[in-house]
C-alpha atoms as a PDB file:
ATOM      1  CA  MET A   1      15.780  31.002 -22.002  1.00  0.00           C
ATOM      2  CA  THR A   2      18.278  28.031 -21.578  1.00  0.00           C
ATOM      3  CA  ILE A   3      16.416  24.964 -18.981  1.00  0.00           C
ATOM      4  CA  LYS A   4      17.528  22.215 -17.703  1.00  0.00           C
ATOM      5  CA  PRO A   5      17.002  19.689 -14.780  1.00  0.00           C
ATOM      6  CA  ILE A   6      17.798  20.459 -11.240  1.00  0.00           C
ATOM      7  CA  LYS A   7      20.317  18.036 -10.389  1.00  0.00           C
ATOM      8  CA  ASN A   8      21.920  19.046  -7.329  1.00  0.00           C
ATOM      9  CA  LYS A   9      22.834  21.738  -4.852  1.00  0.00           C
ATOM     10  CA  LYS A  10      24.794  23.648  -7.758  1.00  0.00           C
ATOM     11  CA  ASP A  11      21.776  23.487 -10.359  1.00  0.00           C
ATOM     12  CA  TYR A  12      19.425  24.481  -7.698  1.00  0.00           C
ATOM     13  CA  GLN A  13      21.421  27.087  -6.642  1.00  0.00           C
ATOM     14  CA  GLU A  14      21.404  28.645 -10.108  1.00  0.00           C
ATOM     15  CA  ALA A  15      17.535  28.310 -10.688  1.00  0.00           C
ATOM     16  CA  LEU A  16      16.933  30.216  -7.727  1.00  0.00           C
ATOM     17  CA  LYS A  17      19.453  33.260  -8.204  1.00  0.00           C
ATOM     18  CA  ARG A  18      17.726  33.079 -12.142  1.00  0.00           C
ATOM     19  CA  LEU A  19      14.471  33.045 -10.507  1.00  0.00           C
ATOM     20  CA  GLU A  20      14.837  35.877  -8.090  1.00  0.00           C
ATOM     21  CA  VAL A  21      16.212  38.118 -11.428  1.00  0.00           C
ATOM     22  CA  ILE A  22      12.968  36.955 -13.405  1.00  0.00           C
ATOM     23  CA  PHE A  23      10.688  37.399 -10.616  1.00  0.00           C
ATOM     24  CA  ASP A  24       8.535  39.740 -11.537  1.00  0.00           C
ATOM     25  CA  SER A  25       8.099  38.642 -15.108  1.00  0.00           C
ATOM     26  CA  LYS A  26       5.009  38.998 -17.108  1.00  0.00           C
ATOM     27  CA  LYS A  27       3.050  35.905 -18.556  1.00  0.00           C
ATOM     28  CA  ASN A  28       2.782  35.256 -21.812  1.00  0.00           C
ATOM     29  CA  CYS A  29       6.339  36.248 -22.529  1.00  0.00           C
ATOM     30  CA  PRO A  30       9.538  34.299 -23.141  1.00  0.00           C
ATOM     31  CA  GLU A  31      10.958  35.499 -19.127  1.00  0.00           C
ATOM     32  CA  GLY A  32       7.475  34.422 -18.202  1.00  0.00           C
ATOM     33  CA  ASP A  33       7.466  31.254 -19.531  1.00  0.00           C
ATOM     34  CA  GLU A  34      10.424  30.365 -17.907  1.00  0.00           C
ATOM     35  CA  LEU A  35       9.584  32.025 -14.291  1.00  0.00           C
ATOM     36  CA  GLU A  36       6.919  29.106 -14.658  1.00  0.00           C
ATOM     37  CA  ILE A  37       9.346  26.356 -16.001  1.00  0.00           C
ATOM     38  CA  LEU A  38      11.789  27.128 -13.361  1.00  0.00           C
ATOM     39  CA  GLY A  39       9.486  27.183 -10.496  1.00  0.00           C
ATOM     40  CA  ILE A  40       7.427  23.754 -11.235  1.00  0.00           C
ATOM     41  CA  LEU A  41      11.722  22.657 -11.373  1.00  0.00           C
ATOM     42  CA  ILE A  42      12.463  24.232  -8.574  1.00  0.00           C
ATOM     43  CA  GLU A  43       8.999  22.553  -6.363  1.00  0.00           C
ATOM     44  CA  LYS A  44      10.040  19.519  -7.468  1.00  0.00           C
ATOM     45  CA  TYR A  45      13.558  19.264  -6.700  1.00  0.00           C
ATOM     46  CA  GLU A  46      12.216  20.895  -3.369  1.00  0.00           C
ATOM     47  CA  ASP A  47      10.015  18.391  -2.669  1.00  0.00           C
ATOM     48  CA  GLU A  48      12.236  15.407  -3.409  1.00  0.00           C
ATOM     49  CA  HIS A  49      15.297  16.826  -1.225  1.00  0.00           C
ATOM     50  CA  PHE A  50      13.326  18.899   1.783  1.00  0.00           C
ATOM     51  CA  PRO A  51      10.077  17.139   1.949  1.00  0.00           C
ATOM     52  CA  VAL A  52       7.887  18.456   4.726  1.00  0.00           C
ATOM     53  CA  GLY A  53       6.130  15.948   7.029  1.00  0.00           C
ATOM     54  CA  PHE A  54       3.215  16.501   8.586  1.00  0.00           C
ATOM     55  CA  PRO A  55       2.803  18.562  11.887  1.00  0.00           C
ATOM     56  CA  ASP A  56       2.861  16.171  15.466  1.00  0.00           C
ATOM     57  CA  PRO A  57      -0.905  15.824  16.153  1.00  0.00           C
ATOM     58  CA  ILE A  58      -1.436  17.675  19.501  1.00  0.00           C
ATOM     59  CA  GLU A  59       0.887  20.532  17.984  1.00  0.00           C
ATOM     60  CA  ALA A  60      -1.616  20.873  15.406  1.00  0.00           C
ATOM     61  CA  ILE A  61      -4.886  20.720  17.316  1.00  0.00           C
ATOM     62  CA  LYS A  62      -2.880  23.752  19.763  1.00  0.00           C
ATOM     63  CA  PHE A  63      -2.060  25.505  16.446  1.00  0.00           C
ATOM     64  CA  ARG A  64      -5.699  25.720  14.906  1.00  0.00           C
ATOM     65  CA  MET A  65      -6.935  25.940  18.418  1.00  0.00           C
ATOM     66  CA  GLU A  66      -4.809  29.685  18.617  1.00  0.00           C
ATOM     67  CA  GLN A  67      -5.658  29.808  14.892  1.00  0.00           C
ATOM     68  CA  MET A  68      -9.622  30.308  15.638  1.00  0.00           C
ATOM     69  CA  GLY A  69      -9.232  31.429  18.997  1.00  0.00           C
ATOM     70  CA  TYR A  70     -10.369  28.482  20.709  1.00  0.00           C
ATOM     71  CA  THR A  71      -9.978  27.464  24.933  1.00  0.00           C
ATOM     72  CA  GLN A  72      -9.613  24.507  26.615  1.00  0.00           C
ATOM     73  CA  THR A  73     -13.156  24.831  26.988  1.00  0.00           C
ATOM     74  CA  ASP A  74     -13.929  25.011  23.397  1.00  0.00           C
ATOM     75  CA  LEU A  75     -12.017  21.607  22.907  1.00  0.00           C
ATOM     76  CA  ALA A  76     -13.807  19.909  25.860  1.00  0.00           C
ATOM     77  CA  LYS A  77     -16.987  20.787  24.255  1.00  0.00           C
ATOM     78  CA  VAL A  78     -15.842  18.473  21.018  1.00  0.00           C
ATOM     79  CA  VAL A  79     -14.053  15.681  23.161  1.00  0.00           C
ATOM     80  CA  GLY A  80     -16.825  15.105  26.210  1.00  0.00           C
ATOM     81  CA  LEU A  81     -14.715  16.350  28.962  1.00  0.00           C
ATOM     82  CA  LYS A  82     -12.727  19.291  30.282  1.00  0.00           C
ATOM     83  CA  SER A  83     -10.261  16.530  32.520  1.00  0.00           C
ATOM     84  CA  ARG A  84     -10.405  14.864  28.780  1.00  0.00           C
ATOM     85  CA  ALA A  85      -9.203  17.676  26.895  1.00  0.00           C
ATOM     86  CA  SER A  86      -6.378  18.723  29.217  1.00  0.00           C
ATOM     87  CA  GLU A  87      -4.892  15.297  29.079  1.00  0.00           C
ATOM     88  CA  ILE A  88      -5.226  15.400  25.397  1.00  0.00           C
ATOM     89  CA  LEU A  89      -3.429  18.235  25.242  1.00  0.00           C
ATOM     90  CA  ASN A  90      -0.766  17.166  27.694  1.00  0.00           C
ATOM     91  CA  LYS A  91      -0.131  14.159  25.369  1.00  0.00           C
ATOM     92  CA  LYS A  92      -1.414  11.899  28.767  1.00  0.00           C
ATOM     93  CA  ARG A  93      -4.607  11.004  26.424  1.00  0.00           C
ATOM     94  CA  LYS A  94      -4.381   9.417  23.061  1.00  0.00           C
ATOM     95  CA  LEU A  95      -6.756  10.309  20.383  1.00  0.00           C
ATOM     96  CA  SER A  96      -9.666   7.781  19.906  1.00  0.00           C
ATOM     97  CA  LEU A  97     -11.168   6.969  16.841  1.00  0.00           C
ATOM     98  CA  ASP A  98     -14.455   9.318  17.831  1.00  0.00           C
ATOM     99  CA  MET A  99     -11.973  11.999  18.702  1.00  0.00           C
ATOM    100  CA  ILE A 100     -10.458  12.195  15.272  1.00  0.00           C
ATOM    101  CA  ARG A 101     -13.216  12.418  13.645  1.00  0.00           C
ATOM    102  CA  LEU A 102     -15.015  14.759  15.730  1.00  0.00           C
ATOM    103  CA  LEU A 103     -11.804  17.187  15.547  1.00  0.00           C
ATOM    104  CA  HIS A 104     -11.382  16.925  12.105  1.00  0.00           C
ATOM    105  CA  ASP A 105     -15.289  18.082  12.041  1.00  0.00           C
ATOM    106  CA  ASN A 106     -15.259  20.636  14.100  1.00  0.00           C
ATOM    107  CA  PHE A 107     -11.546  21.902  14.051  1.00  0.00           C
ATOM    108  CA  ASN A 108     -10.744  21.101   9.723  1.00  0.00           C
ATOM    109  CA  ILE A 109      -7.918  19.534  11.013  1.00  0.00           C
ATOM    110  CA  PRO A 110      -7.366  16.595   8.718  1.00  0.00           C
ATOM    111  CA  THR A 111      -7.286  13.104   9.824  1.00  0.00           C
ATOM    112  CA  GLU A 112      -3.472  12.432   8.045  1.00  0.00           C
ATOM    113  CA  VAL A 113      -2.440  14.738  10.772  1.00  0.00           C
ATOM    114  CA  LEU A 114      -4.652  13.572  13.541  1.00  0.00           C
ATOM    115  CA  ILE A 115      -3.823   9.914  13.286  1.00  0.00           C
ATOM    116  CA  GLN A 116      -0.310   9.629  13.329  1.00  0.00           C
ATOM    117  CA  ALA A 117       1.743   8.197  16.324  1.00  0.00           C
ATOM    118  CA  TYR A 118       3.188  10.314  19.386  1.00  0.00           C
END
């Protein structure tokens, strides 16, 4: 087992290739330990070089509605009026602090996502 830091794209590609080879290794054996450590190194490199930001707040609402099988009427029950729900989904109305709280509580969308500018 030769493990080294992932410093560049070449190291990253080599680490991914090695990960594929040892992917099905059992825990508590040398290859299993290597797999665990290599996974941590790859994750750290990806977090630094390929950061994933938060989704657009309105897209997050639409996505959660789809996941939960909710309609615009269900959103209206949370934000007050069907016309308000339409304005929100069409980005014609900004989310207020109260709406953000309600959406967080009812749709379980992280507030960090909902407070972003759009």
